[in-house]
Amino acid sequence: MSEVLDAPAHAIRDVLAVHDVFRTALAAAPQLVGGVQTPDSDRAAVVAMYYAHILALLHVHHDLEEEYLWGRLRARLSPDPTSSDSTRLLVDHQDAVGAALEAADDCLDSWTEEPSIYRGVPLAVALSALLVPLSDQLQHEEEHLLPLAEDLVSAAEWAELRTAALAAIPDAQPWLVFGLVQDEMTPEQRKRLLAAVPTSARQSWQDSGQERFARFISRLWPM
């Protein structure tokens, strides 16, 4: 059963869902951050919580991909100059994303401390700016590196990545990250994901997490 859940093709589709979480969130930054009116502290808290989790997830995602995917690919592709060029280009993308992510972290900290329009504009700009190099990196991964990983990374190694990713979900609001990723998945993917997580995590999601996530999204995107 584990080999089916962690088959490379399935695992790659799950990675694509996480990529889409970032694209969706960062594209919405001008609307969500720009829509907070001073001194609406409740609304600011919701938006700040959303982007705090998005940026934290991006940090974790990049660290885990580097450890469990790209490091392994570099080792296995070293004799192939064409493929090695692709992995070297990834490093350039990672550097650009890292700098933009650090800037977004700083702006979010500043805005969370004082959610004014004065601090909101730089945050919206920083989040939008992060999307530019991140989009380039994700596209490069999806077009060049993930197809290689499908062939060169085993089902057992994909399972290690999945286990590490689940363990890295923030303890404070695990339902938020879990829900955001599921929102970008097909029904089949969601079913597989729920089957793969520990029983306690699945039960927590079904008992309360799903409802809490729905309430949060209704506050983030009010009608």
N, C-alpha and C. Protein backbone atom coordinates (compact mmCIF):
# COMPACT_ATOMS: atom_id res chain seq x y z
N MET A 1 0.83 -1.21 0.00
CA MET A 1 0.00 0.00 0.00
C MET A 1 0.86 1.26 0.00
N SER A 2 1.94 1.26 0.82
CA SER A 2 2.81 2.43 0.88
C SER A 2 3.43 2.74 -0.47
N GLU A 3 3.81 1.67 -1.23
CA GLU A 3 4.42 1.91 -2.53
C GLU A 3 3.45 2.56 -3.49
N VAL A 4 2.17 2.24 -3.35
CA VAL A 4 1.16 2.87 -4.21
C VAL A 4 1.00 4.33 -3.84
N LEU A 5 0.91 4.60 -2.51
CA LEU A 5 0.72 5.97 -2.06
C LEU A 5 1.90 6.85 -2.46
N ASP A 6 3.11 6.28 -2.44
CA ASP A 6 4.30 7.07 -2.67
C ASP A 6 4.90 6.84 -4.04
N ALA A 7 4.13 6.28 -4.98
CA ALA A 7 4.62 6.13 -6.33
C ALA A 7 5.09 7.48 -6.84
N PRO A 8 6.22 7.54 -7.54
CA PRO A 8 6.75 8.84 -7.96
C PRO A 8 5.74 9.72 -8.69
N ALA A 9 4.94 9.16 -9.58
CA ALA A 9 3.96 9.98 -10.30
C ALA A 9 2.97 10.63 -9.35
N HIS A 10 2.50 9.89 -8.36
CA HIS A 10 1.58 10.45 -7.36
C HIS A 10 2.28 11.51 -6.53
N ALA A 11 3.50 11.22 -6.11
CA ALA A 11 4.24 12.17 -5.27
C ALA A 11 4.49 13.48 -6.01
N ILE A 12 4.79 13.39 -7.28
CA ILE A 12 5.04 14.61 -8.05
C ILE A 12 3.77 15.45 -8.16
N ARG A 13 2.63 14.82 -8.35
CA ARG A 13 1.37 15.58 -8.39
C ARG A 13 1.13 16.29 -7.05
N ASP A 14 1.53 15.67 -5.97
CA ASP A 14 1.38 16.31 -4.67
C ASP A 14 2.33 17.51 -4.54
N VAL A 15 3.54 17.38 -5.07
CA VAL A 15 4.47 18.51 -5.07
C VAL A 15 3.90 19.66 -5.89
N LEU A 16 3.28 19.36 -7.01
CA LEU A 16 2.68 20.40 -7.84
C LEU A 16 1.57 21.12 -7.09
N ALA A 17 0.82 20.40 -6.27
CA ALA A 17 -0.24 21.03 -5.46
C ALA A 17 0.36 22.03 -4.48
N VAL A 18 1.48 21.67 -3.87
CA VAL A 18 2.14 22.60 -2.95
C VAL A 18 2.65 23.82 -3.71
N HIS A 19 3.20 23.61 -4.88
CA HIS A 19 3.64 24.75 -5.70
C HIS A 19 2.47 25.69 -5.97
N ASP A 20 1.31 25.14 -6.25
CA ASP A 20 0.15 25.98 -6.54
C ASP A 20 -0.34 26.74 -5.32
N VAL A 21 -0.10 26.20 -4.12
CA VAL A 21 -0.42 26.95 -2.90
C VAL A 21 0.35 28.27 -2.90
N PHE A 22 1.63 28.21 -3.23
CA PHE A 22 2.45 29.42 -3.24
C PHE A 22 2.00 30.39 -4.33
N ARG A 23 1.74 29.87 -5.50
CA ARG A 23 1.31 30.74 -6.60
C ARG A 23 0.01 31.46 -6.24
N THR A 24 -0.94 30.72 -5.71
CA THR A 24 -2.24 31.30 -5.36
C THR A 24 -2.08 32.38 -4.30
N ALA A 25 -1.33 32.07 -3.26
CA ALA A 25 -1.20 33.00 -2.13
C ALA A 25 -0.47 34.28 -2.52
N LEU A 26 0.64 34.15 -3.22
CA LEU A 26 1.43 35.33 -3.55
C LEU A 26 0.74 36.20 -4.59
N ALA A 27 0.03 35.58 -5.52
CA ALA A 27 -0.72 36.36 -6.51
C ALA A 27 -1.83 37.19 -5.86
N ALA A 28 -2.33 36.71 -4.73
CA ALA A 28 -3.43 37.39 -4.04
C ALA A 28 -2.95 38.48 -3.09
N ALA A 29 -1.65 38.63 -2.91
CA ALA A 29 -1.13 39.56 -1.91
C ALA A 29 -1.62 41.00 -2.08
N PRO A 30 -1.58 41.56 -3.29
CA PRO A 30 -2.06 42.95 -3.40
C PRO A 30 -3.51 43.11 -2.94
N GLN A 31 -4.35 42.13 -3.26
CA GLN A 31 -5.75 42.22 -2.86
C GLN A 31 -5.93 42.01 -1.36
N LEU A 32 -5.27 40.99 -0.81
CA LEU A 32 -5.48 40.66 0.60
C LEU A 32 -4.81 41.67 1.52
N VAL A 33 -3.56 41.97 1.28
CA VAL A 33 -2.86 42.94 2.14
C VAL A 33 -3.39 44.34 1.88
N GLY A 34 -3.56 44.67 0.62
CA GLY A 34 -4.05 46.00 0.29
C GLY A 34 -5.47 46.26 0.73
N GLY A 35 -6.22 45.17 0.96
CA GLY A 35 -7.61 45.34 1.39
C GLY A 35 -7.80 45.56 2.86
N VAL A 36 -6.72 45.50 3.64
CA VAL A 36 -6.82 45.72 5.09
C VAL A 36 -6.85 47.21 5.36
N GLN A 37 -7.92 47.63 5.99
CA GLN A 37 -8.08 49.05 6.30
C GLN A 37 -7.66 49.32 7.75
N THR A 38 -6.78 50.28 7.92
CA THR A 38 -6.38 50.68 9.28
C THR A 38 -7.57 51.33 9.96
N PRO A 39 -7.90 50.99 11.22
CA PRO A 39 -7.20 50.08 12.12
C PRO A 39 -7.96 48.76 12.29
N ASP A 40 -8.22 48.04 11.24
CA ASP A 40 -8.96 46.78 11.31
C ASP A 40 -8.01 45.67 11.77
N SER A 41 -7.79 45.59 13.07
CA SER A 41 -6.80 44.65 13.60
C SER A 41 -7.23 43.20 13.42
N ASP A 42 -8.55 42.94 13.47
CA ASP A 42 -9.02 41.56 13.30
C ASP A 42 -8.72 41.06 11.88
N ARG A 43 -9.02 41.87 10.90
CA ARG A 43 -8.76 41.51 9.51
C ARG A 43 -7.25 41.35 9.28
N ALA A 44 -6.48 42.25 9.83
CA ALA A 44 -5.03 42.18 9.69
C ALA A 44 -4.49 40.90 10.28
N ALA A 45 -5.04 40.48 11.41
CA ALA A 45 -4.56 39.26 12.06
C ALA A 45 -4.81 38.03 11.19
N VAL A 46 -5.95 38.00 10.51
CA VAL A 46 -6.26 36.87 9.63
C VAL A 46 -5.28 36.83 8.46
N VAL A 47 -5.07 37.96 7.82
CA VAL A 47 -4.17 38.01 6.66
C VAL A 47 -2.74 37.72 7.09
N ALA A 48 -2.33 38.27 8.23
CA ALA A 48 -0.97 38.02 8.72
C ALA A 48 -0.77 36.54 9.03
N MET A 49 -1.75 35.91 9.62
CA MET A 49 -1.65 34.48 9.93
C MET A 49 -1.52 33.66 8.64
N TYR A 50 -2.28 34.03 7.64
CA TYR A 50 -2.23 33.34 6.36
C TYR A 50 -0.82 33.42 5.76
N TYR A 51 -0.28 34.62 5.66
CA TYR A 51 1.02 34.76 5.02
C TYR A 51 2.17 34.27 5.89
N ALA A 52 2.01 34.30 7.20
CA ALA A 52 3.03 33.70 8.07
C ALA A 52 3.16 32.21 7.78
N HIS A 53 2.02 31.55 7.58
CA HIS A 53 2.06 30.12 7.28
C HIS A 53 2.56 29.86 5.85
N ILE A 54 2.21 30.71 4.93
CA ILE A 54 2.69 30.54 3.56
C ILE A 54 4.21 30.65 3.51
N LEU A 55 4.76 31.69 4.14
CA LEU A 55 6.20 31.88 4.10
C LEU A 55 6.93 30.79 4.88
N ALA A 56 6.37 30.38 6.01
CA ALA A 56 6.98 29.28 6.76
C ALA A 56 6.97 27.99 5.94
N LEU A 57 5.86 27.74 5.25
CA LEU A 57 5.77 26.56 4.41
C LEU A 57 6.78 26.61 3.28
N LEU A 58 7.00 27.79 2.72
CA LEU A 58 7.96 27.93 1.63
C LEU A 58 9.38 27.63 2.12
N HIS A 59 9.72 28.12 3.31
CA HIS A 59 11.03 27.79 3.89
C HIS A 59 11.19 26.27 4.01
N VAL A 60 10.20 25.64 4.61
CA VAL A 60 10.27 24.20 4.84
C VAL A 60 10.32 23.44 3.51
N HIS A 61 9.48 23.85 2.58
CA HIS A 61 9.41 23.18 1.28
C HIS A 61 10.77 23.20 0.58
N HIS A 62 11.41 24.35 0.57
CA HIS A 62 12.70 24.46 -0.10
C HIS A 62 13.76 23.62 0.61
N ASP A 63 13.75 23.65 1.94
CA ASP A 63 14.74 22.87 2.69
C ASP A 63 14.56 21.37 2.43
N LEU A 64 13.31 20.92 2.45
CA LEU A 64 13.05 19.50 2.27
C LEU A 64 13.35 19.05 0.85
N GLU A 65 12.98 19.87 -0.14
CA GLU A 65 13.29 19.50 -1.53
C GLU A 65 14.80 19.40 -1.73
N GLU A 66 15.53 20.34 -1.14
CA GLU A 66 16.98 20.31 -1.28
C GLU A 66 17.55 19.04 -0.66
N GLU A 67 17.07 18.67 0.52
CA GLU A 67 17.61 17.52 1.23
C GLU A 67 17.19 16.19 0.58
N TYR A 68 15.92 16.09 0.20
CA TYR A 68 15.40 14.79 -0.22
C TYR A 68 15.33 14.61 -1.74
N LEU A 69 15.39 15.72 -2.51
CA LEU A 69 15.30 15.58 -3.96
C LEU A 69 16.54 16.10 -4.68
N TRP A 70 16.78 17.41 -4.59
CA TRP A 70 17.79 18.01 -5.46
C TRP A 70 19.20 17.56 -5.09
N GLY A 71 19.48 17.37 -3.80
CA GLY A 71 20.80 16.85 -3.43
C GLY A 71 21.03 15.48 -4.02
N ARG A 72 20.01 14.65 -3.99
CA ARG A 72 20.13 13.31 -4.57
C ARG A 72 20.27 13.38 -6.08
N LEU A 73 19.52 14.27 -6.71
CA LEU A 73 19.64 14.38 -8.16
C LEU A 73 21.03 14.83 -8.58
N ARG A 74 21.58 15.81 -7.86
CA ARG A 74 22.93 16.29 -8.21
C ARG A 74 23.94 15.13 -8.15
N ALA A 75 23.82 14.32 -7.12
CA ALA A 75 24.75 13.19 -6.98
C ALA A 75 24.59 12.18 -8.10
N ARG A 76 23.36 11.99 -8.55
CA ARG A 76 23.09 10.95 -9.55
C ARG A 76 23.26 11.44 -10.99
N LEU A 77 23.30 12.77 -11.16
CA LEU A 77 23.41 13.32 -12.51
C LEU A 77 24.78 13.89 -12.80
N SER A 78 25.71 13.79 -11.87
CA SER A 78 27.00 14.48 -12.02
C SER A 78 27.74 14.16 -13.32
N PRO A 79 27.63 12.94 -13.87
CA PRO A 79 28.34 12.71 -15.16
C PRO A 79 27.63 13.33 -16.37
N ASP A 80 26.40 13.79 -16.21
CA ASP A 80 25.60 14.27 -17.33
C ASP A 80 25.67 15.80 -17.37
N PRO A 81 26.43 16.41 -18.29
CA PRO A 81 26.59 17.87 -18.28
C PRO A 81 25.29 18.62 -18.52
N THR A 82 24.41 18.09 -19.36
CA THR A 82 23.14 18.78 -19.62
C THR A 82 22.29 18.83 -18.37
N SER A 83 22.14 17.70 -17.71
CA SER A 83 21.34 17.66 -16.49
C SER A 83 22.00 18.44 -15.38
N SER A 84 23.34 18.41 -15.33
CA SER A 84 24.06 19.17 -14.32
C SER A 84 23.81 20.66 -14.49
N ASP A 85 23.69 21.12 -15.73
CA ASP A 85 23.37 22.53 -15.99
C ASP A 85 22.02 22.88 -15.37
N SER A 86 21.07 21.97 -15.45
CA SER A 86 19.75 22.22 -14.87
C SER A 86 19.82 22.35 -13.36
N THR A 87 20.64 21.52 -12.72
CA THR A 87 20.74 21.60 -11.27
C THR A 87 21.52 22.85 -10.85
N ARG A 88 22.50 23.26 -11.67
CA ARG A 88 23.21 24.51 -11.35
C ARG A 88 22.29 25.71 -11.50
N LEU A 89 21.44 25.71 -12.51
CA LEU A 89 20.48 26.80 -12.68
C LEU A 89 19.54 26.86 -11.49
N LEU A 90 19.18 25.70 -10.93
CA LEU A 90 18.33 25.68 -9.75
C LEU A 90 18.96 26.45 -8.61
N VAL A 91 20.27 26.33 -8.43
CA VAL A 91 20.95 27.05 -7.35
C VAL A 91 20.79 28.55 -7.53
N ASP A 92 20.90 29.03 -8.77
CA ASP A 92 20.70 30.45 -9.04
C ASP A 92 19.28 30.88 -8.66
N HIS A 93 18.30 30.05 -9.03
CA HIS A 93 16.92 30.35 -8.66
C HIS A 93 16.77 30.36 -7.14
N GLN A 94 17.37 29.40 -6.47
CA GLN A 94 17.25 29.32 -5.02
C GLN A 94 17.82 30.55 -4.34
N ASP A 95 18.93 31.05 -4.86
CA ASP A 95 19.54 32.25 -4.29
C ASP A 95 18.61 33.45 -4.43
N ALA A 96 18.01 33.61 -5.60
CA ALA A 96 17.11 34.73 -5.84
C ALA A 96 15.87 34.63 -4.97
N VAL A 97 15.32 33.42 -4.87
CA VAL A 97 14.14 33.22 -4.03
C VAL A 97 14.48 33.46 -2.56
N GLY A 98 15.65 32.98 -2.13
CA GLY A 98 16.04 33.17 -0.74
C GLY A 98 16.12 34.63 -0.35
N ALA A 99 16.69 35.46 -1.22
CA ALA A 99 16.78 36.89 -0.92
C ALA A 99 15.39 37.53 -0.88
N ALA A 100 14.54 37.18 -1.83
CA ALA A 100 13.18 37.74 -1.86
C ALA A 100 12.36 37.25 -0.67
N LEU A 101 12.57 36.01 -0.27
CA LEU A 101 11.84 35.46 0.87
C LEU A 101 12.25 36.15 2.16
N GLU A 102 13.53 36.42 2.32
CA GLU A 102 14.00 37.13 3.51
C GLU A 102 13.38 38.52 3.58
N ALA A 103 13.30 39.19 2.44
CA ALA A 103 12.69 40.53 2.42
C ALA A 103 11.21 40.45 2.78
N ALA A 104 10.51 39.45 2.27
CA ALA A 104 9.09 39.29 2.59
C ALA A 104 8.89 38.97 4.07
N ASP A 105 9.76 38.14 4.64
CA ASP A 105 9.69 37.84 6.08
C ASP A 105 9.80 39.12 6.89
N ASP A 106 10.76 39.96 6.55
CA ASP A 106 10.98 41.20 7.30
C ASP A 106 9.77 42.12 7.19
N CYS A 107 9.22 42.25 5.99
CA CYS A 107 8.06 43.12 5.80
C CYS A 107 6.83 42.59 6.54
N LEU A 108 6.66 41.27 6.55
CA LEU A 108 5.53 40.70 7.26
C LEU A 108 5.66 40.92 8.76
N ASP A 109 6.86 40.76 9.30
CA ASP A 109 7.08 41.02 10.73
C ASP A 109 6.73 42.47 11.07
N SER A 110 7.17 43.38 10.22
CA SER A 110 6.90 44.80 10.45
C SER A 110 5.41 45.11 10.40
N TRP A 111 4.73 44.57 9.40
CA TRP A 111 3.30 44.83 9.24
C TRP A 111 2.48 44.16 10.34
N THR A 112 2.88 42.98 10.77
CA THR A 112 2.17 42.29 11.84
C THR A 112 2.25 43.10 13.13
N GLU A 113 3.40 43.71 13.36
CA GLU A 113 3.59 44.54 14.56
C GLU A 113 2.73 45.80 14.48
N GLU A 114 2.62 46.36 13.29
CA GLU A 114 1.83 47.58 13.09
C GLU A 114 1.17 47.51 11.71
N PRO A 115 -0.07 46.97 11.65
CA PRO A 115 -0.71 46.76 10.34
C PRO A 115 -1.30 48.04 9.74
N SER A 116 -0.40 48.96 9.42
CA SER A 116 -0.81 50.22 8.81
C SER A 116 -0.66 50.14 7.30
N ILE A 117 -1.30 51.07 6.61
CA ILE A 117 -1.13 51.15 5.16
C ILE A 117 0.33 51.44 4.82
N TYR A 118 0.96 52.25 5.65
CA TYR A 118 2.37 52.61 5.44
C TYR A 118 3.26 51.36 5.39
N ARG A 119 2.97 50.38 6.25
CA ARG A 119 3.75 49.15 6.26
C ARG A 119 3.14 48.07 5.36
N GLY A 120 1.88 48.23 5.02
CA GLY A 120 1.23 47.23 4.18
C GLY A 120 1.68 47.29 2.74
N VAL A 121 1.93 48.49 2.24
CA VAL A 121 2.36 48.63 0.85
C VAL A 121 3.69 47.89 0.61
N PRO A 122 4.71 48.10 1.45
CA PRO A 122 5.95 47.34 1.23
C PRO A 122 5.76 45.82 1.33
N LEU A 123 4.84 45.38 2.20
CA LEU A 123 4.58 43.95 2.31
C LEU A 123 3.97 43.41 1.03
N ALA A 124 2.96 44.09 0.51
CA ALA A 124 2.33 43.64 -0.73
C ALA A 124 3.34 43.61 -1.87
N VAL A 125 4.20 44.62 -1.91
CA VAL A 125 5.23 44.68 -2.95
C VAL A 125 6.22 43.52 -2.78
N ALA A 126 6.62 43.25 -1.53
CA ALA A 126 7.60 42.19 -1.28
C ALA A 126 7.03 40.81 -1.62
N LEU A 127 5.78 40.58 -1.29
CA LEU A 127 5.17 39.29 -1.61
C LEU A 127 5.01 39.12 -3.12
N SER A 128 4.63 40.19 -3.80
CA SER A 128 4.53 40.13 -5.26
C SER A 128 5.90 39.94 -5.89
N ALA A 129 6.91 40.60 -5.32
CA ALA A 129 8.27 40.46 -5.85
C ALA A 129 8.79 39.05 -5.64
N LEU A 130 8.41 38.42 -4.55
CA LEU A 130 8.82 37.03 -4.29
C LEU A 130 8.26 36.09 -5.35
N LEU A 131 7.07 36.38 -5.83
CA LEU A 131 6.43 35.51 -6.82
C LEU A 131 7.23 35.43 -8.12
N VAL A 132 7.97 36.49 -8.45
CA VAL A 132 8.69 36.52 -9.73
C VAL A 132 9.78 35.45 -9.79
N PRO A 133 10.78 35.48 -8.88
CA PRO A 133 11.80 34.42 -8.96
C PRO A 133 11.25 33.05 -8.58
N LEU A 134 10.26 33.04 -7.69
CA LEU A 134 9.69 31.75 -7.30
C LEU A 134 9.00 31.09 -8.49
N SER A 135 8.28 31.87 -9.27
CA SER A 135 7.62 31.31 -10.47
C SER A 135 8.64 30.72 -11.42
N ASP A 136 9.76 31.43 -11.59
CA ASP A 136 10.82 30.91 -12.46
C ASP A 136 11.37 29.59 -11.91
N GLN A 137 11.59 29.55 -10.60
CA GLN A 137 12.13 28.32 -10.01
C GLN A 137 11.15 27.16 -10.12
N LEU A 138 9.89 27.42 -9.79
CA LEU A 138 8.91 26.34 -9.84
C LEU A 138 8.73 25.82 -11.25
N GLN A 139 8.72 26.72 -12.22
CA GLN A 139 8.59 26.30 -13.62
C GLN A 139 9.79 25.45 -14.03
N HIS A 140 10.98 25.86 -13.62
CA HIS A 140 12.18 25.09 -13.94
C HIS A 140 12.13 23.71 -13.30
N GLU A 141 11.71 23.65 -12.06
CA GLU A 141 11.59 22.36 -11.39
C GLU A 141 10.59 21.45 -12.11
N GLU A 142 9.44 22.04 -12.44
CA GLU A 142 8.37 21.24 -13.03
C GLU A 142 8.70 20.76 -14.44
N GLU A 143 9.41 21.58 -15.21
CA GLU A 143 9.71 21.21 -16.60
C GLU A 143 10.96 20.35 -16.73
N HIS A 144 11.92 20.53 -15.84
CA HIS A 144 13.22 19.88 -16.04
C HIS A 144 13.60 18.90 -14.93
N LEU A 145 13.35 19.26 -13.67
CA LEU A 145 13.89 18.46 -12.57
C LEU A 145 12.93 17.40 -12.05
N LEU A 146 11.66 17.72 -11.94
CA LEU A 146 10.73 16.71 -11.45
C LEU A 146 10.62 15.51 -12.40
N PRO A 147 10.64 15.71 -13.71
CA PRO A 147 10.66 14.52 -14.59
C PRO A 147 11.89 13.64 -14.34
N LEU A 148 13.02 14.26 -14.05
CA LEU A 148 14.21 13.48 -13.72
C LEU A 148 14.03 12.76 -12.39
N ALA A 149 13.43 13.47 -11.43
CA ALA A 149 13.23 12.87 -10.11
C ALA A 149 12.27 11.69 -10.19
N GLU A 150 11.31 11.76 -11.10
CA GLU A 150 10.38 10.64 -11.25
C GLU A 150 11.12 9.36 -11.61
N ASP A 151 12.18 9.51 -12.40
CA ASP A 151 12.94 8.34 -12.84
C ASP A 151 14.04 7.94 -11.85
N LEU A 152 14.61 8.92 -11.15
CA LEU A 152 15.83 8.67 -10.39
C LEU A 152 15.63 8.62 -8.88
N VAL A 153 14.47 9.03 -8.40
CA VAL A 153 14.18 8.98 -6.95
C VAL A 153 13.18 7.86 -6.73
N SER A 154 13.51 6.97 -5.82
CA SER A 154 12.69 5.77 -5.61
C SER A 154 11.43 6.08 -4.83
N ALA A 155 10.49 5.15 -4.87
CA ALA A 155 9.25 5.29 -4.08
C ALA A 155 9.57 5.41 -2.60
N ALA A 156 10.54 4.67 -2.13
CA ALA A 156 10.91 4.74 -0.71
C ALA A 156 11.47 6.12 -0.36
N GLU A 157 12.22 6.73 -1.28
CA GLU A 157 12.77 8.06 -1.03
C GLU A 157 11.68 9.13 -1.08
N TRP A 158 10.72 8.96 -1.98
CA TRP A 158 9.58 9.88 -1.98
C TRP A 158 8.81 9.75 -0.66
N ALA A 159 8.71 8.54 -0.13
CA ALA A 159 8.02 8.34 1.15
C ALA A 159 8.74 9.06 2.27
N GLU A 160 10.07 9.08 2.23
CA GLU A 160 10.84 9.81 3.23
C GLU A 160 10.51 11.30 3.17
N LEU A 161 10.41 11.84 1.95
CA LEU A 161 10.07 13.25 1.79
C LEU A 161 8.69 13.53 2.36
N ARG A 162 7.71 12.67 2.03
CA ARG A 162 6.36 12.87 2.55
C ARG A 162 6.32 12.85 4.07
N THR A 163 7.01 11.90 4.67
CA THR A 163 7.04 11.79 6.13
C THR A 163 7.67 13.04 6.75
N ALA A 164 8.77 13.51 6.17
CA ALA A 164 9.43 14.70 6.69
C ALA A 164 8.54 15.93 6.52
N ALA A 165 7.83 16.01 5.41
CA ALA A 165 6.94 17.16 5.17
C ALA A 165 5.80 17.19 6.18
N LEU A 166 5.21 16.04 6.46
CA LEU A 166 4.13 15.99 7.45
C LEU A 166 4.63 16.36 8.83
N ALA A 167 5.85 15.92 9.16
CA ALA A 167 6.41 16.23 10.47
C ALA A 167 6.76 17.70 10.61
N ALA A 168 6.97 18.39 9.49
CA ALA A 168 7.39 19.79 9.53
C ALA A 168 6.22 20.76 9.55
N ILE A 169 4.99 20.27 9.45
CA ILE A 169 3.83 21.16 9.50
C ILE A 169 3.79 21.85 10.85
N PRO A 170 3.63 23.17 10.91
CA PRO A 170 3.64 23.89 12.20
C PRO A 170 2.63 23.33 13.19
N ASP A 171 3.05 23.25 14.46
CA ASP A 171 2.19 22.68 15.50
C ASP A 171 1.00 23.57 15.83
N ALA A 172 1.15 24.88 15.65
CA ALA A 172 0.11 25.81 16.12
C ALA A 172 -1.20 25.63 15.37
N GLN A 173 -1.15 25.67 14.05
CA GLN A 173 -2.35 25.51 13.23
C GLN A 173 -2.08 24.52 12.10
N PRO A 174 -1.88 23.26 12.41
CA PRO A 174 -1.59 22.29 11.34
C PRO A 174 -2.71 22.17 10.33
N TRP A 175 -3.94 22.43 10.77
CA TRP A 175 -5.09 22.33 9.90
C TRP A 175 -5.03 23.36 8.77
N LEU A 176 -4.34 24.50 9.01
CA LEU A 176 -4.30 25.54 7.98
C LEU A 176 -3.44 25.08 6.80
N VAL A 177 -2.24 24.61 7.08
CA VAL A 177 -1.38 24.13 6.00
C VAL A 177 -2.01 22.91 5.32
N PHE A 178 -2.54 22.01 6.12
CA PHE A 178 -3.16 20.81 5.58
C PHE A 178 -4.32 21.17 4.65
N GLY A 179 -5.11 22.14 5.05
CA GLY A 179 -6.24 22.55 4.24
C GLY A 179 -5.82 23.27 2.97
N LEU A 180 -4.83 24.14 3.06
CA LEU A 180 -4.36 24.88 1.89
C LEU A 180 -3.85 23.94 0.81
N VAL A 181 -3.11 22.93 1.22
CA VAL A 181 -2.59 21.97 0.25
C VAL A 181 -3.72 21.17 -0.37
N GLN A 182 -4.67 20.74 0.44
CA GLN A 182 -5.79 19.96 -0.09
C GLN A 182 -6.63 20.78 -1.06
N ASP A 183 -6.72 22.07 -0.83
CA ASP A 183 -7.51 22.93 -1.73
C ASP A 183 -6.96 22.92 -3.15
N GLU A 184 -5.68 22.62 -3.30
CA GLU A 184 -5.06 22.60 -4.63
C GLU A 184 -5.02 21.18 -5.21
N MET A 185 -5.62 20.22 -4.52
CA MET A 185 -5.58 18.83 -4.95
C MET A 185 -6.89 18.39 -5.58
N THR A 186 -6.82 17.35 -6.35
CA THR A 186 -8.02 16.70 -6.87
C THR A 186 -8.63 15.85 -5.76
N PRO A 187 -9.90 15.46 -5.90
CA PRO A 187 -10.49 14.55 -4.89
C PRO A 187 -9.68 13.28 -4.71
N GLU A 188 -9.14 12.74 -5.80
CA GLU A 188 -8.33 11.52 -5.69
C GLU A 188 -7.07 11.77 -4.86
N GLN A 189 -6.42 12.92 -5.08
CA GLN A 189 -5.22 13.25 -4.31
C GLN A 189 -5.54 13.42 -2.83
N ARG A 190 -6.65 14.09 -2.55
CA ARG A 190 -7.03 14.30 -1.14
C ARG A 190 -7.28 12.96 -0.45
N LYS A 191 -7.92 12.05 -1.16
CA LYS A 191 -8.18 10.72 -0.60
C LYS A 191 -6.88 10.00 -0.30
N ARG A 192 -5.93 10.08 -1.23
CA ARG A 192 -4.64 9.42 -1.00
C ARG A 192 -3.88 10.06 0.15
N LEU A 193 -3.94 11.38 0.23
CA LEU A 193 -3.23 12.08 1.30
C LEU A 193 -3.78 11.68 2.66
N LEU A 194 -5.09 11.67 2.79
CA LEU A 194 -5.69 11.31 4.07
C LEU A 194 -5.37 9.87 4.45
N ALA A 195 -5.25 9.02 3.44
CA ALA A 195 -4.90 7.62 3.72
C ALA A 195 -3.45 7.49 4.17
N ALA A 196 -2.61 8.44 3.76
CA ALA A 196 -1.18 8.34 4.02
C ALA A 196 -0.76 8.93 5.36
N VAL A 197 -1.53 9.90 5.89
CA VAL A 197 -1.12 10.58 7.12
C VAL A 197 -1.36 9.67 8.33
N PRO A 198 -0.68 9.93 9.44
CA PRO A 198 -0.94 9.15 10.65
C PRO A 198 -2.41 9.23 11.07
N THR A 199 -2.87 8.19 11.72
CA THR A 199 -4.29 8.12 12.12
C THR A 199 -4.68 9.31 12.97
N SER A 200 -3.82 9.73 13.88
CA SER A 200 -4.15 10.85 14.76
C SER A 200 -4.35 12.14 13.97
N ALA A 201 -3.50 12.36 12.96
CA ALA A 201 -3.62 13.56 12.14
C ALA A 201 -4.90 13.52 11.31
N ARG A 202 -5.20 12.35 10.75
CA ARG A 202 -6.42 12.21 9.96
C ARG A 202 -7.66 12.44 10.82
N GLN A 203 -7.64 11.87 12.03
CA GLN A 203 -8.79 12.02 12.93
C GLN A 203 -8.97 13.47 13.35
N SER A 204 -7.85 14.15 13.62
CA SER A 204 -7.91 15.56 14.02
C SER A 204 -8.48 16.42 12.90
N TRP A 205 -8.09 16.13 11.67
CA TRP A 205 -8.61 16.88 10.53
C TRP A 205 -10.11 16.65 10.39
N GLN A 206 -10.53 15.42 10.50
CA GLN A 206 -11.94 15.10 10.31
C GLN A 206 -12.80 15.59 11.47
N ASP A 207 -12.25 15.58 12.69
CA ASP A 207 -13.03 15.97 13.86
C ASP A 207 -13.21 17.48 13.95
N SER A 208 -12.15 18.24 13.68
CA SER A 208 -12.23 19.69 13.88
C SER A 208 -11.46 20.50 12.86
N GLY A 209 -10.37 19.95 12.32
CA GLY A 209 -9.51 20.73 11.43
C GLY A 209 -10.20 21.21 10.18
N GLN A 210 -10.98 20.35 9.58
CA GLN A 210 -11.67 20.71 8.34
C GLN A 210 -12.63 21.87 8.57
N GLU A 211 -13.35 21.83 9.69
CA GLU A 211 -14.29 22.91 10.00
C GLU A 211 -13.55 24.20 10.32
N ARG A 212 -12.46 24.11 11.07
CA ARG A 212 -11.68 25.30 11.40
C ARG A 212 -11.10 25.93 10.14
N PHE A 213 -10.64 25.10 9.23
CA PHE A 213 -10.10 25.62 7.98
C PHE A 213 -11.18 26.33 7.17
N ALA A 214 -12.35 25.74 7.09
CA ALA A 214 -13.45 26.36 6.34
C ALA A 214 -13.80 27.73 6.93
N ARG A 215 -13.83 27.82 8.26
CA ARG A 215 -14.13 29.10 8.91
C ARG A 215 -13.05 30.12 8.61
N PHE A 216 -11.80 29.67 8.65
CA PHE A 216 -10.70 30.60 8.39
C PHE A 216 -10.78 31.13 6.96
N ILE A 217 -11.01 30.26 6.00
CA ILE A 217 -11.08 30.71 4.61
C ILE A 217 -12.24 31.67 4.38
N SER A 218 -13.34 31.43 5.09
CA SER A 218 -14.48 32.35 4.95
C SER A 218 -14.15 33.72 5.50
N ARG A 219 -13.26 33.78 6.49
CA ARG A 219 -12.81 35.07 7.02
C ARG A 219 -11.75 35.70 6.10
N LEU A 220 -10.91 34.87 5.53
CA LEU A 220 -9.88 35.38 4.63
C LEU A 220 -10.49 35.94 3.35
N TRP A 221 -11.50 35.24 2.84
CA TRP A 221 -12.18 35.65 1.62
C TRP A 221 -13.68 35.82 1.90
N PRO A 222 -14.03 36.88 2.62
CA PRO A 222 -15.46 37.10 2.95
C PRO A 222 -16.26 37.39 1.69
N MET A 223 -17.48 36.96 1.71
CA MET A 223 -18.38 37.20 0.58
C MET A 223 -18.70 38.69 0.46
